[in-house]
Amino acid sequence: MAALACLLLAGCAKPPEPQKEAAAERAAAPPAETAKPAEAPKPPEEAAKKEEAKKAEKKEAKKGEASPNLYKVKFATSKGDIIVQVHRDWAPKGADRFRDLIKDHFFDGARFFRVVPNFVVQFGLAGSPALTQKWDKKISDDPVMQTNKLGTLVFATAGPNTRTTQLFINLRSNQFLDNQGFSPFGEVVEGMNVVQQIYAGYGEQPDQEAITRQGNAYLSAKFPKLDFIKKATIED
């Protein structure tokens, strides 16, 4: 079992950030406001660009917002539909990241690239390498509040505080993963029979580094039978 658990450590990620001092802030404080010269009117194209930029800012600000306590996600897959119920109180950071990924269509076209029968089905590297790279940002760990039972949805890791985008569904009760920090944030409520039928013929052969660099171009050429997610949608 310990050997299988090690194989799960599959995510990747990037570092934290700095701060400032109050004295420096006061020194850099702007002078008292003085009368400003009237601005020349801007051409319509420039105004339109500004409006687009504002919209993009608002859209970006919405990402990272707290998700609802409960929400469902439908994975339409090449084998059939899978419905997942997310419980934010189980693992808030994981639930929020998952929702952000769905909103960005991260999983659309993604392959189930690692299937270990009677253990886990793993996915969460995007079909587009650019999208995988965009979300290569670590989130800190959630405490384990629920056991890794059959059908639970969990982030894969590469050690403490390294969760990014990779997920797995437990194909049986894997309680030994609880002590290793794997924190379930959702569970399959419909379509577990579909999960059990996901193509397992390639086992653990697909190379995750190659998927990260080349995406579906690599998988389609080398592992054409892999099942995949056609579309993932939030069922609010």
Protein backbone atom coordinates (compact mmCIF):
# COMPACT_ATOMS: atom_id res chain seq x y z
CA MET A 1 0.00 0.00 0.00
CA ALA A 2 2.76 2.48 0.94
CA ALA A 3 4.22 2.01 -2.55
CA LEU A 4 0.88 2.87 -4.18
CA ALA A 5 0.49 5.93 -1.97
CA CYS A 6 3.92 7.19 -3.05
CA LEU A 7 2.85 6.95 -6.67
CA LEU A 8 0.05 9.39 -5.94
CA LEU A 9 2.43 12.21 -5.27
CA ALA A 10 1.89 13.77 -8.65
CA GLY A 11 1.19 17.51 -8.50
CA CYS A 12 3.60 20.36 -9.26
CA ALA A 13 3.69 24.07 -8.33
CA LYS A 14 5.45 27.43 -7.61
CA PRO A 15 6.52 29.79 -4.66
CA PRO A 16 5.06 32.53 -2.21
CA GLU A 17 5.50 36.38 -1.94
CA PRO A 18 6.89 39.56 0.02
CA GLN A 19 5.69 42.77 2.01
CA LYS A 20 6.35 46.52 2.76
CA GLU A 21 7.02 48.84 5.75
CA ALA A 22 4.89 51.66 7.19
CA ALA A 23 7.73 54.25 7.17
CA ALA A 24 8.40 53.61 3.49
CA GLU A 25 4.70 54.00 2.77
CA ARG A 26 4.58 57.42 4.52
CA ALA A 27 7.67 58.58 2.62
CA ALA A 28 6.06 57.52 -0.63
CA ALA A 29 2.69 59.13 0.22
CA PRO A 30 1.45 61.39 -2.61
CA PRO A 31 1.48 65.18 -2.04
CA ALA A 32 -1.79 67.01 -1.34
CA GLU A 33 -3.92 67.04 -4.46
CA THR A 34 -3.57 70.07 -6.72
CA ALA A 35 -5.78 71.23 -9.56
CA LYS A 36 -5.38 68.92 -12.56
CA PRO A 37 -5.47 70.11 -16.16
CA ALA A 38 -8.59 69.10 -18.06
CA GLU A 39 -8.13 65.86 -19.97
CA ALA A 40 -8.60 65.78 -23.71
CA PRO A 41 -11.50 63.56 -24.82
CA LYS A 42 -10.37 60.07 -25.81
CA PRO A 43 -11.16 58.47 -29.18
CA PRO A 44 -13.93 55.80 -29.10
CA GLU A 45 -11.50 52.92 -29.75
CA GLU A 46 -9.48 53.88 -26.66
CA ALA A 47 -12.63 54.12 -24.53
CA ALA A 48 -13.74 50.68 -25.78
CA LYS A 49 -10.33 49.22 -24.88
CA LYS A 50 -10.60 50.70 -21.38
CA GLU A 51 -14.07 49.20 -20.95
CA GLU A 52 -12.79 45.77 -22.04
CA ALA A 53 -9.88 46.02 -19.60
CA LYS A 54 -12.30 46.85 -16.75
CA LYS A 55 -14.47 43.83 -17.62
CA ALA A 56 -11.41 41.57 -17.68
CA GLU A 57 -10.34 42.91 -14.26
CA LYS A 58 -13.78 42.20 -12.79
CA LYS A 59 -13.76 38.69 -14.26
CA GLU A 60 -10.31 38.01 -12.79
CA ALA A 61 -11.40 39.36 -9.40
CA LYS A 62 -14.27 36.85 -9.33
CA LYS A 63 -11.80 33.98 -9.56
CA GLY A 64 -10.64 32.90 -6.15
CA GLU A 65 -13.96 33.87 -4.53
CA ALA A 66 -15.26 31.43 -1.92
CA SER A 67 -17.44 28.72 -3.46
CA PRO A 68 -20.88 27.78 -2.05
CA ASN A 69 -21.02 25.28 0.81
CA LEU A 70 -22.49 22.66 -1.49
CA TYR A 71 -22.38 22.48 -5.27
CA LYS A 72 -22.52 19.80 -7.95
CA VAL A 73 -20.31 19.33 -10.99
CA LYS A 74 -21.23 17.23 -14.01
CA PHE A 75 -18.43 15.57 -15.94
CA ALA A 76 -19.70 14.54 -19.37
CA THR A 77 -17.11 11.88 -20.29
CA SER A 78 -16.40 9.54 -23.18
CA LYS A 79 -17.87 6.74 -21.02
CA GLY A 80 -20.94 8.59 -19.71
CA ASP A 81 -21.88 11.21 -17.11
CA ILE A 82 -20.36 11.49 -13.63
CA ILE A 83 -21.94 13.82 -11.04
CA VAL A 84 -19.81 15.02 -8.14
CA GLN A 85 -21.14 16.70 -4.99
CA VAL A 86 -18.62 19.15 -3.52
CA HIS A 87 -18.67 19.86 0.23
CA ARG A 88 -16.79 23.06 0.97
CA ASP A 89 -16.81 22.35 4.73
CA TRP A 90 -14.74 19.19 4.08
CA ALA A 91 -11.84 21.11 2.48
CA PRO A 92 -12.50 24.81 1.70
CA LYS A 93 -9.30 25.57 -0.22
CA GLY A 94 -9.65 22.46 -2.36
CA ALA A 95 -13.34 23.18 -3.08
CA ASP A 96 -12.56 26.78 -4.08
CA ARG A 97 -9.68 25.81 -6.39
CA PHE A 98 -11.80 23.09 -8.03
CA ARG A 99 -14.60 25.58 -8.77
CA ASP A 100 -12.12 28.08 -10.26
CA LEU A 101 -10.71 25.35 -12.53
CA ILE A 102 -14.20 24.37 -13.72
CA LYS A 103 -15.02 28.03 -14.48
CA ASP A 104 -11.87 28.27 -16.60
CA HIS A 105 -12.86 25.08 -18.55
CA PHE A 106 -9.63 23.49 -17.33
CA PHE A 107 -10.94 19.91 -17.46
CA ASP A 108 -12.66 20.09 -20.86
CA GLY A 109 -10.84 17.60 -23.07
CA ALA A 110 -8.60 16.35 -20.22
CA ARG A 111 -7.70 12.64 -20.19
CA PHE A 112 -7.95 10.16 -17.32
CA PHE A 113 -4.24 9.46 -17.68
CA ARG A 114 -3.58 7.20 -14.70
CA VAL A 115 -5.80 4.31 -13.68
CA VAL A 116 -4.73 1.83 -11.01
CA PRO A 117 -7.52 -0.77 -10.72
CA ASN A 118 -8.99 -1.17 -7.24
CA PHE A 119 -7.10 1.97 -6.14
CA VAL A 120 -7.56 5.31 -8.01
CA VAL A 121 -8.45 7.05 -11.28
CA GLN A 122 -6.30 10.17 -11.75
CA PHE A 123 -6.74 13.23 -14.00
CA GLY A 124 -6.16 16.98 -13.91
CA LEU A 125 -3.54 17.86 -16.52
CA ALA A 126 -5.21 20.04 -19.17
CA GLY A 127 -5.37 19.16 -22.85
CA SER A 128 -3.60 22.48 -23.48
CA PRO A 129 -0.08 22.86 -21.99
CA ALA A 130 -0.68 26.62 -21.70
CA LEU A 131 -3.70 26.00 -19.45
CA THR A 132 -1.76 23.53 -17.30
CA GLN A 133 0.99 26.13 -16.91
CA LYS A 134 -1.49 28.92 -16.13
CA TRP A 135 -2.83 27.00 -13.11
CA ASP A 136 0.52 25.71 -11.89
CA LYS A 137 0.04 27.60 -8.60
CA LYS A 138 0.18 25.80 -5.27
CA ILE A 139 -2.55 26.00 -2.67
CA SER A 140 -1.94 25.19 0.97
CA ASP A 141 -3.29 22.02 2.53
CA ASP A 142 -6.70 21.55 4.11
CA PRO A 143 -6.89 19.38 7.23
CA VAL A 144 -8.28 15.91 6.52
CA MET A 145 -11.90 16.05 7.72
CA GLN A 146 -13.27 13.07 5.77
CA THR A 147 -11.86 9.64 5.07
CA ASN A 148 -10.71 8.54 1.61
CA LYS A 149 -13.68 6.26 1.04
CA LEU A 150 -14.94 4.80 -2.24
CA GLY A 151 -15.97 7.55 -4.67
CA THR A 152 -14.35 10.52 -2.91
CA LEU A 153 -12.67 13.22 -5.00
CA VAL A 154 -9.25 14.36 -3.77
CA PHE A 155 -6.33 16.54 -4.90
CA ALA A 156 -3.10 14.68 -5.64
CA THR A 157 0.05 16.18 -4.11
CA ALA A 158 3.83 16.18 -4.36
CA GLY A 159 4.22 16.66 -0.59
CA PRO A 160 2.81 19.20 1.92
CA ASN A 161 1.18 22.36 0.47
CA THR A 162 1.73 21.41 -3.20
CA ARG A 163 -1.80 20.92 -4.55
CA THR A 164 -2.35 22.46 -7.99
CA THR A 165 -4.74 20.80 -10.48
CA GLN A 166 -4.37 17.02 -10.36
CA LEU A 167 -7.20 15.00 -8.83
CA PHE A 168 -8.09 11.41 -8.18
CA ILE A 169 -11.25 9.44 -7.45
CA ASN A 170 -10.91 6.60 -4.96
CA LEU A 171 -11.95 3.27 -6.48
CA ARG A 172 -12.29 1.71 -3.01
CA SER A 173 -11.86 2.73 0.63
CA ASN A 174 -8.27 3.99 0.90
CA GLN A 175 -8.29 5.08 4.53
CA PHE A 176 -4.51 4.76 4.82
CA LEU A 177 -4.29 7.94 2.68
CA ASP A 178 -5.93 9.98 5.47
CA ASN A 179 -2.73 9.99 7.53
CA GLN A 180 -0.74 11.17 4.51
CA GLY A 181 -2.69 14.42 4.22
CA PHE A 182 -4.95 13.58 1.27
CA SER A 183 -8.07 15.62 1.98
CA PRO A 184 -11.34 14.69 0.16
CA PHE A 185 -13.49 17.68 -0.84
CA GLY A 186 -16.25 15.92 -2.77
CA GLU A 187 -17.78 12.59 -3.73
CA VAL A 188 -19.32 10.92 -6.74
CA VAL A 189 -23.10 10.85 -6.21
CA GLU A 190 -24.06 9.56 -9.67
CA GLY A 191 -22.09 7.56 -12.24
CA MET A 192 -19.71 5.59 -10.02
CA ASN A 193 -20.34 2.72 -12.45
CA VAL A 194 -18.99 5.03 -15.19
CA VAL A 195 -15.86 5.75 -13.13
CA GLN A 196 -15.31 2.00 -12.71
CA GLN A 197 -15.41 1.55 -16.52
CA ILE A 198 -12.79 4.20 -17.36
CA TYR A 199 -10.12 2.64 -19.60
CA ALA A 200 -7.34 1.14 -17.47
CA GLY A 201 -5.31 -0.63 -20.17
CA TYR A 202 -2.36 1.78 -20.03
CA GLY A 203 -2.08 1.71 -16.23
CA GLU A 204 0.60 4.21 -15.22
CA GLN A 205 2.46 4.36 -18.55
CA PRO A 206 1.59 7.96 -19.61
CA ASP A 207 4.45 10.27 -18.62
CA GLN A 208 3.20 13.24 -16.61
CA GLU A 209 6.11 15.50 -17.64
CA ALA A 210 5.30 14.83 -21.30
CA ILE A 211 1.59 15.55 -20.69
CA THR A 212 2.53 18.82 -18.96
CA ARG A 213 4.73 19.87 -21.90
CA GLN A 214 2.66 18.55 -24.83
CA GLY A 215 -0.87 18.01 -23.53
CA ASN A 216 -3.31 15.98 -25.62
CA ALA A 217 -0.99 15.96 -28.64
CA TYR A 218 1.23 13.51 -26.72
CA LEU A 219 -1.63 11.46 -25.27
CA SER A 220 -3.59 11.16 -28.52
CA ALA A 221 -0.50 9.93 -30.37
CA LYS A 222 0.77 7.48 -27.73
CA PHE A 223 -2.34 6.49 -25.75
CA PRO A 224 -5.34 6.87 -28.07
CA LYS A 225 -7.69 4.68 -26.01
CA LEU A 226 -7.68 6.88 -22.92
CA ASP A 227 -11.11 8.02 -21.78
CA PHE A 228 -11.58 11.75 -21.33
CA ILE A 229 -13.80 14.56 -20.05
CA LYS A 230 -15.79 16.14 -22.85
CA LYS A 231 -17.10 18.96 -20.66
CA ALA A 232 -17.23 19.84 -16.95
CA THR A 233 -20.04 22.12 -15.77
CA ILE A 234 -21.22 23.48 -12.43
CA GLU A 235 -24.81 22.37 -11.78
CA ASP A 236 -25.97 25.21 -9.50
